[in-house]
């Protein structure tokens, strides 16, 4: 816990039954192989077996997911680029309870995930065309046996490399809004939106309240 407190994520604590179930359900790994899963690279659970592991970091999509709580609180409008980026999920000042805010956030996350997965899928298809790995393939037992380049998705079970940075900011932000706006009603949603539009300038005490006086999840 002393290491984790530094914010580096090491050692990584994961839910073993969930990881096993997911690798079986989404990627078709046999249950015996799924139970051998380890973290590959940083955070990608996959079996240690010949047909279960990934021989390299495949095409991936990376996103700053903290933007999704921002979009949920701005009806999908990005104040930085001054454009409608995410879906319109409703005027947050009209949300009657936390469930409406949470539903808006889920919709923003679904929109983002749809883009990321399609990006990964396109990258995986195009990788062999532009980024063949002959030397890596020469030392990969799987490639030697099949004659297929290590970077090719052909004949493999797959492993979705979608990276969510700033993930925990979503949980922390949602928890803070739930407590201070909906549960304790210390601030109104209009007050919060005004502070966010000002980037907290002139609202330092309120900002510290959201930082210090709400549950934290990592």
C-alpha atoms as a PDB file:
ATOM      1  CA  UNK A   1       0.000   0.000   0.000  1.00  0.00           C
ATOM      2  CA  UNK A   2       2.938   2.341   0.563  1.00  0.00           C
ATOM      3  CA  UNK A   3       3.965   1.766  -3.076  1.00  0.00           C
ATOM      4  CA  UNK A   4       0.430   2.172  -4.389  1.00  0.00           C
ATOM      5  CA  UNK A   5       0.036   5.413  -2.454  1.00  0.00           C
ATOM      6  CA  UNK A   6       2.700   6.977  -4.692  1.00  0.00           C
ATOM      7  CA  UNK A   7       0.299   6.648  -7.610  1.00  0.00           C
ATOM      8  CA  UNK A   8       2.407   4.430  -9.855  1.00  0.00           C
ATOM      9  CA  UNK A   9       0.046   1.454  -9.876  1.00  0.00           C
ATOM     10  CA  UNK A  10       2.616  -1.048  -8.663  1.00  0.00           C
ATOM     11  CA  UNK A  11       1.982  -3.650  -7.468  1.00  0.00           C
ATOM     12  CA  UNK A  12      -1.137  -3.993  -9.588  1.00  0.00           C
ATOM     13  CA  UNK A  13      -4.167  -5.416  -7.809  1.00  0.00           C
ATOM     14  CA  UNK A  14      -6.686  -7.005 -10.167  1.00  0.00           C
ATOM     15  CA  UNK A  15      -9.844  -9.057  -9.836  1.00  0.00           C
ATOM     16  CA  UNK A  16      -8.748 -12.553 -10.872  1.00  0.00           C
ATOM     17  CA  UNK A  17     -12.222 -14.084 -11.494  1.00  0.00           C
ATOM     18  CA  UNK A  18     -13.185 -11.101 -13.660  1.00  0.00           C
ATOM     19  CA  UNK A  19      -9.972 -11.262 -15.706  1.00  0.00           C
ATOM     20  CA  UNK A  20     -10.397 -15.003 -16.251  1.00  0.00           C
ATOM     21  CA  UNK A  21     -14.038 -14.622 -17.284  1.00  0.00           C
ATOM     22  CA  UNK A  22     -13.266 -11.714 -19.627  1.00  0.00           C
ATOM     23  CA  UNK A  23     -10.434 -13.485 -21.444  1.00  0.00           C
ATOM     24  CA  UNK A  24     -12.701 -16.477 -22.024  1.00  0.00           C
ATOM     25  CA  UNK A  25     -15.748 -14.442 -23.070  1.00  0.00           C
ATOM     26  CA  UNK A  26     -14.156 -11.762 -25.245  1.00  0.00           C
ATOM     27  CA  UNK A  27     -11.133 -13.532 -26.713  1.00  0.00           C
ATOM     28  CA  UNK A  28     -12.133 -17.181 -26.703  1.00  0.00           C
ATOM     29  CA  UNK A  29      -9.266 -18.490 -24.579  1.00  0.00           C
ATOM     30  CA  UNK A  30      -9.875 -21.966 -23.125  1.00  0.00           C
ATOM     31  CA  UNK A  31     -10.541 -21.745 -19.397  1.00  0.00           C
ATOM     32  CA  UNK A  32      -7.346 -23.674 -18.579  1.00  0.00           C
ATOM     33  CA  UNK A  33      -5.271 -21.092 -20.447  1.00  0.00           C
ATOM     34  CA  UNK A  34      -7.257 -18.131 -19.138  1.00  0.00           C
ATOM     35  CA  UNK A  35      -6.384 -19.122 -15.577  1.00  0.00           C
ATOM     36  CA  UNK A  36      -2.674 -18.599 -16.341  1.00  0.00           C
ATOM     37  CA  UNK A  37      -3.186 -14.916 -17.200  1.00  0.00           C
ATOM     38  CA  UNK A  38      -0.552 -12.337 -16.364  1.00  0.00           C
ATOM     39  CA  UNK A  39      -0.188  -8.639 -17.094  1.00  0.00           C
ATOM     40  CA  UNK A  40       1.472  -8.194 -20.437  1.00  0.00           C
ATOM     41  CA  UNK A  41       3.214  -4.875 -20.912  1.00  0.00           C
ATOM     42  CA  UNK A  42       1.489  -2.597 -18.403  1.00  0.00           C
ATOM     43  CA  UNK A  43      -2.145  -3.559 -17.963  1.00  0.00           C
ATOM     44  CA  UNK A  44      -3.213  -6.105 -20.594  1.00  0.00           C
ATOM     45  CA  UNK A  45      -4.289  -9.443 -19.067  1.00  0.00           C
ATOM     46  CA  UNK A  46      -3.529 -12.402 -21.330  1.00  0.00           C
ATOM     47  CA  UNK A  47      -2.610 -16.085 -20.913  1.00  0.00           C
ATOM     48  CA  UNK A  48       1.013 -17.196 -20.869  1.00  0.00           C
ATOM     49  CA  UNK A  49       0.410 -19.909 -23.480  1.00  0.00           C
ATOM     50  CA  UNK A  50       1.716 -20.037 -27.063  1.00  0.00           C
ATOM     51  CA  UNK A  51      -1.601 -19.047 -28.595  1.00  0.00           C
ATOM     52  CA  UNK A  52      -2.717 -16.814 -25.753  1.00  0.00           C
ATOM     53  CA  UNK A  53       0.070 -14.275 -25.381  1.00  0.00           C
ATOM     54  CA  UNK A  54       0.703 -11.272 -27.623  1.00  0.00           C
ATOM     55  CA  UNK A  55       4.186 -11.350 -29.224  1.00  0.00           C
ATOM     56  CA  UNK A  56       4.428  -7.555 -29.202  1.00  0.00           C
ATOM     57  CA  UNK A  57       2.479  -4.437 -28.362  1.00  0.00           C
ATOM     58  CA  UNK A  58      -0.130  -4.413 -31.060  1.00  0.00           C
ATOM     59  CA  UNK A  59      -1.958  -1.429 -32.532  1.00  0.00           C
ATOM     60  CA  UNK A  60      -3.600   0.423 -29.697  1.00  0.00           C
ATOM     61  CA  UNK A  61      -5.763   3.437 -29.022  1.00  0.00           C
ATOM     62  CA  UNK A  62      -5.107   5.714 -26.075  1.00  0.00           C
ATOM     63  CA  UNK A  63      -7.430   8.325 -24.631  1.00  0.00           C
ATOM     64  CA  UNK A  64      -7.571  10.946 -21.910  1.00  0.00           C
ATOM     65  CA  UNK A  65     -10.749   9.661 -20.323  1.00  0.00           C
ATOM     66  CA  UNK A  66     -10.975  12.488 -17.784  1.00  0.00           C
ATOM     67  CA  UNK A  67     -12.511  14.420 -20.668  1.00  0.00           C
ATOM     68  CA  UNK A  68     -15.591  12.218 -20.394  1.00  0.00           C
ATOM     69  CA  UNK A  69     -16.628  13.565 -17.004  1.00  0.00           C
ATOM     70  CA  UNK A  70     -15.972  17.023 -18.419  1.00  0.00           C
ATOM     71  CA  UNK A  71     -18.239  16.254 -21.382  1.00  0.00           C
ATOM     72  CA  UNK A  72     -20.934  14.842 -19.100  1.00  0.00           C
ATOM     73  CA  UNK A  73     -20.897  18.202 -17.310  1.00  0.00           C
ATOM     74  CA  UNK A  74     -20.907  20.241 -20.530  1.00  0.00           C
ATOM     75  CA  UNK A  75     -23.389  18.349 -22.716  1.00  0.00           C
ATOM     76  CA  UNK A  76     -20.533  17.045 -24.851  1.00  0.00           C
ATOM     77  CA  UNK A  77     -19.073  20.488 -25.581  1.00  0.00           C
ATOM     78  CA  UNK A  78     -15.294  20.872 -25.341  1.00  0.00           C
ATOM     79  CA  UNK A  79     -14.440  24.245 -23.840  1.00  0.00           C
ATOM     80  CA  UNK A  80     -10.778  23.966 -24.857  1.00  0.00           C
ATOM     81  CA  UNK A  81     -11.316  23.628 -28.613  1.00  0.00           C
ATOM     82  CA  UNK A  82     -14.746  25.300 -28.510  1.00  0.00           C
ATOM     83  CA  UNK A  83     -16.422  22.485 -30.425  1.00  0.00           C
ATOM     84  CA  UNK A  84     -19.198  19.978 -29.873  1.00  0.00           C
ATOM     85  CA  UNK A  85     -17.111  16.815 -29.520  1.00  0.00           C
ATOM     86  CA  UNK A  86     -19.137  14.264 -27.569  1.00  0.00           C
ATOM     87  CA  UNK A  87     -22.819  13.387 -27.860  1.00  0.00           C
ATOM     88  CA  UNK A  88     -25.386  15.750 -26.391  1.00  0.00           C
ATOM     89  CA  UNK A  89     -26.365  14.047 -23.158  1.00  0.00           C
ATOM     90  CA  UNK A  90     -28.458  16.793 -21.627  1.00  0.00           C
ATOM     91  CA  UNK A  91     -28.045  20.101 -19.845  1.00  0.00           C
ATOM     92  CA  UNK A  92     -26.381  19.119 -16.545  1.00  0.00           C
ATOM     93  CA  UNK A  93     -28.057  21.998 -14.726  1.00  0.00           C
ATOM     94  CA  UNK A  94     -31.332  20.150 -15.316  1.00  0.00           C
ATOM     95  CA  UNK A  95     -30.166  16.830 -13.875  1.00  0.00           C
ATOM     96  CA  UNK A  96     -32.492  15.967 -11.014  1.00  0.00           C
ATOM     97  CA  UNK A  97     -30.293  13.334  -9.380  1.00  0.00           C
ATOM     98  CA  UNK A  98     -26.913  11.625  -9.575  1.00  0.00           C
ATOM     99  CA  UNK A  99     -28.299   8.805 -11.724  1.00  0.00           C
ATOM    100  CA  UNK A 100     -28.933  11.260 -14.567  1.00  0.00           C
ATOM    101  CA  UNK A 101     -25.350  12.515 -14.375  1.00  0.00           C
ATOM    102  CA  UNK A 102     -24.032   8.964 -14.259  1.00  0.00           C
ATOM    103  CA  UNK A 103     -26.141   8.003 -17.273  1.00  0.00           C
ATOM    104  CA  UNK A 104     -24.741  10.972 -19.205  1.00  0.00           C
ATOM    105  CA  UNK A 105     -21.208   9.916 -18.298  1.00  0.00           C
ATOM    106  CA  UNK A 106     -21.861   6.337 -19.442  1.00  0.00           C
ATOM    107  CA  UNK A 107     -23.097   7.652 -22.800  1.00  0.00           C
ATOM    108  CA  UNK A 108     -19.946   9.739 -23.209  1.00  0.00           C
ATOM    109  CA  UNK A 109     -17.782   6.719 -22.369  1.00  0.00           C
ATOM    110  CA  UNK A 110     -19.661   4.540 -24.868  1.00  0.00           C
ATOM    111  CA  UNK A 111     -19.081   7.156 -27.565  1.00  0.00           C
ATOM    112  CA  UNK A 112     -15.363   7.265 -26.801  1.00  0.00           C
ATOM    113  CA  UNK A 113     -14.984   3.485 -26.590  1.00  0.00           C
ATOM    114  CA  UNK A 114     -16.694   3.101 -29.956  1.00  0.00           C
ATOM    115  CA  UNK A 115     -14.057   5.342 -31.543  1.00  0.00           C
ATOM    116  CA  UNK A 116     -11.165   3.626 -29.773  1.00  0.00           C
ATOM    117  CA  UNK A 117     -12.178   0.073 -30.660  1.00  0.00           C
ATOM    118  CA  UNK A 118     -12.740   0.969 -34.309  1.00  0.00           C
ATOM    119  CA  UNK A 119      -9.316   2.653 -34.355  1.00  0.00           C
ATOM    120  CA  UNK A 120      -7.670  -0.450 -32.892  1.00  0.00           C
ATOM    121  CA  UNK A 121      -9.447  -2.760 -35.320  1.00  0.00           C
ATOM    122  CA  UNK A 122      -8.336  -0.675 -38.299  1.00  0.00           C
ATOM    123  CA  UNK A 123      -4.776  -0.570 -36.982  1.00  0.00           C
ATOM    124  CA  UNK A 124      -4.651  -4.326 -36.514  1.00  0.00           C
ATOM    125  CA  UNK A 125      -5.774  -4.910 -40.101  1.00  0.00           C
ATOM    126  CA  UNK A 126      -3.278  -2.415 -41.530  1.00  0.00           C
ATOM    127  CA  UNK A 127      -0.295  -3.330 -39.336  1.00  0.00           C
ATOM    128  CA  UNK A 128       0.933  -6.270 -41.471  1.00  0.00           C
ATOM    129  CA  UNK A 129       0.818  -4.078 -44.572  1.00  0.00           C
ATOM    130  CA  UNK A 130       3.068  -1.370 -43.163  1.00  0.00           C
ATOM    131  CA  UNK A 131       4.844  -2.744 -40.090  1.00  0.00           C
ATOM    132  CA  UNK A 132       5.836  -6.358 -40.660  1.00  0.00           C
ATOM    133  CA  UNK A 133       8.191  -7.814 -38.034  1.00  0.00           C
ATOM    134  CA  UNK A 134      10.375 -10.444 -39.752  1.00  0.00           C
ATOM    135  CA  UNK A 135      12.982 -10.691 -36.989  1.00  0.00           C
ATOM    136  CA  UNK A 136      10.407 -10.950 -34.211  1.00  0.00           C
ATOM    137  CA  UNK A 137       8.493 -13.496 -36.276  1.00  0.00           C
ATOM    138  CA  UNK A 138      11.654 -15.581 -36.639  1.00  0.00           C
ATOM    139  CA  UNK A 139      11.849 -16.134 -32.877  1.00  0.00           C
ATOM    140  CA  UNK A 140       8.106 -16.542 -32.308  1.00  0.00           C
ATOM    141  CA  UNK A 141       7.156 -20.214 -32.156  1.00  0.00           C
ATOM    142  CA  UNK A 142       3.646 -19.350 -33.214  1.00  0.00           C
ATOM    143  CA  UNK A 143       4.863 -17.499 -36.314  1.00  0.00           C
ATOM    144  CA  UNK A 144       7.407 -20.154 -37.255  1.00  0.00           C
ATOM    145  CA  UNK A 145       4.731 -22.855 -37.126  1.00  0.00           C
ATOM    146  CA  UNK A 146       2.096 -20.880 -39.029  1.00  0.00           C
ATOM    147  CA  UNK A 147       4.248 -18.867 -41.417  1.00  0.00           C
ATOM    148  CA  UNK A 148       2.268 -15.761 -40.435  1.00  0.00           C
ATOM    149  CA  UNK A 149       3.983 -12.529 -39.386  1.00  0.00           C
ATOM    150  CA  UNK A 150       3.873 -11.880 -35.646  1.00  0.00           C
ATOM    151  CA  UNK A 151       2.075  -8.593 -36.176  1.00  0.00           C
ATOM    152  CA  UNK A 152      -0.744 -10.171 -38.190  1.00  0.00           C
ATOM    153  CA  UNK A 153      -4.123 -10.637 -36.490  1.00  0.00           C
ATOM    154  CA  UNK A 154      -4.799 -13.643 -38.731  1.00  0.00           C
ATOM    155  CA  UNK A 155      -5.372 -16.828 -36.805  1.00  0.00           C
ATOM    156  CA  UNK A 156      -4.971 -15.299 -33.344  1.00  0.00           C
ATOM    157  CA  UNK A 157      -7.558 -14.921 -30.629  1.00  0.00           C
ATOM    158  CA  UNK A 158      -6.965 -11.242 -30.157  1.00  0.00           C
ATOM    159  CA  UNK A 159      -6.441  -8.915 -27.238  1.00  0.00           C
ATOM    160  CA  UNK A 160      -7.926  -5.429 -27.328  1.00  0.00           C
ATOM    161  CA  UNK A 161      -5.244  -2.872 -26.547  1.00  0.00           C
ATOM    162  CA  UNK A 162      -7.309   0.129 -25.542  1.00  0.00           C
ATOM    163  CA  UNK A 163      -5.583   2.328 -23.004  1.00  0.00           C
ATOM    164  CA  UNK A 164      -7.570   4.609 -20.709  1.00  0.00           C
ATOM    165  CA  UNK A 165      -5.370   7.227 -19.091  1.00  0.00           C
ATOM    166  CA  UNK A 166      -6.748   9.409 -16.267  1.00  0.00           C
ATOM    167  CA  UNK A 167      -9.375   6.735 -15.645  1.00  0.00           C
ATOM    168  CA  UNK A 168      -9.607   7.205 -11.891  1.00  0.00           C
ATOM    169  CA  UNK A 169     -10.332  10.917 -12.278  1.00  0.00           C
ATOM    170  CA  UNK A 170     -13.768   9.855 -13.509  1.00  0.00           C
ATOM    171  CA  UNK A 171     -14.546   7.896 -10.344  1.00  0.00           C
ATOM    172  CA  UNK A 172     -13.144  10.598  -8.066  1.00  0.00           C
ATOM    173  CA  UNK A 173     -15.005  13.370  -9.885  1.00  0.00           C
ATOM    174  CA  UNK A 174     -18.303  11.500  -9.940  1.00  0.00           C
ATOM    175  CA  UNK A 175     -17.963  10.716  -6.234  1.00  0.00           C
ATOM    176  CA  UNK A 176     -17.230  14.367  -5.444  1.00  0.00           C
ATOM    177  CA  UNK A 177     -20.218  15.657  -7.407  1.00  0.00           C
ATOM    178  CA  UNK A 178     -22.481  13.022  -5.885  1.00  0.00           C
ATOM    179  CA  UNK A 179     -21.492  13.975  -2.350  1.00  0.00           C
ATOM    180  CA  UNK A 180     -21.260  17.766  -2.559  1.00  0.00           C
ATOM    181  CA  UNK A 181     -23.998  18.514  -5.100  1.00  0.00           C
ATOM    182  CA  UNK A 182     -26.603  15.753  -4.847  1.00  0.00           C
ATOM    183  CA  UNK A 183     -26.213  14.288  -1.343  1.00  0.00           C
ATOM    184  CA  UNK A 184     -25.147  17.198   0.863  1.00  0.00           C
ATOM    185  CA  UNK A 185     -26.422  19.902  -1.533  1.00  0.00           C
ATOM    186  CA  UNK A 186     -23.557  22.148  -0.481  1.00  0.00           C
ATOM    187  CA  UNK A 187     -23.309  23.467  -4.040  1.00  0.00           C
ATOM    188  CA  UNK A 188     -25.757  23.609  -6.904  1.00  0.00           C
ATOM    189  CA  UNK A 189     -24.974  22.185 -10.323  1.00  0.00           C
ATOM    190  CA  UNK A 190     -25.119  25.720 -11.730  1.00  0.00           C
ATOM    191  CA  UNK A 191     -22.436  26.809  -9.259  1.00  0.00           C
ATOM    192  CA  UNK A 192     -20.233  23.876 -10.207  1.00  0.00           C
ATOM    193  CA  UNK A 193     -20.622  24.514 -13.936  1.00  0.00           C
ATOM    194  CA  UNK A 194     -19.816  28.205 -13.463  1.00  0.00           C
ATOM    195  CA  UNK A 195     -16.650  27.289 -11.559  1.00  0.00           C
ATOM    196  CA  UNK A 196     -15.619  24.793 -14.234  1.00  0.00           C
ATOM    197  CA  UNK A 197     -16.199  27.307 -17.026  1.00  0.00           C
ATOM    198  CA  UNK A 198     -13.881  29.679 -15.142  1.00  0.00           C
ATOM    199  CA  UNK A 199     -11.317  26.867 -14.725  1.00  0.00           C
ATOM    200  CA  UNK A 200     -11.791  27.369 -10.965  1.00  0.00           C
ATOM    201  CA  UNK A 201     -10.395  30.932 -11.155  1.00  0.00           C
ATOM    202  CA  UNK A 202     -11.987  32.759  -8.247  1.00  0.00           C
ATOM    203  CA  UNK A 203     -13.354  29.505  -6.802  1.00  0.00           C
ATOM    204  CA  UNK A 204     -10.301  28.142  -5.023  1.00  0.00           C
ATOM    205  CA  UNK A 205     -12.052  27.252  -1.782  1.00  0.00           C
ATOM    206  CA  UNK A 206     -14.727  25.409  -3.708  1.00  0.00           C
ATOM    207  CA  UNK A 207     -12.074  23.561  -5.723  1.00  0.00           C
ATOM    208  CA  UNK A 208     -10.314  22.464  -2.548  1.00  0.00           C
ATOM    209  CA  UNK A 209     -13.637  21.270  -1.184  1.00  0.00           C
ATOM    210  CA  UNK A 210     -14.074  18.980  -4.184  1.00  0.00           C
ATOM    211  CA  UNK A 211     -10.472  17.784  -3.887  1.00  0.00           C
ATOM    212  CA  UNK A 212     -10.280  17.197  -0.139  1.00  0.00           C
ATOM    213  CA  UNK A 213     -13.777  16.482   1.083  1.00  0.00           C
ATOM    214  CA  UNK A 214     -14.939  13.687  -1.180  1.00  0.00           C
ATOM    215  CA  UNK A 215     -14.197   9.950  -1.447  1.00  0.00           C
ATOM    216  CA  UNK A 216     -11.125   8.877  -3.420  1.00  0.00           C
ATOM    217  CA  UNK A 217     -10.755   5.709  -5.459  1.00  0.00           C
ATOM    218  CA  UNK A 218      -7.101   5.627  -6.429  1.00  0.00           C
END
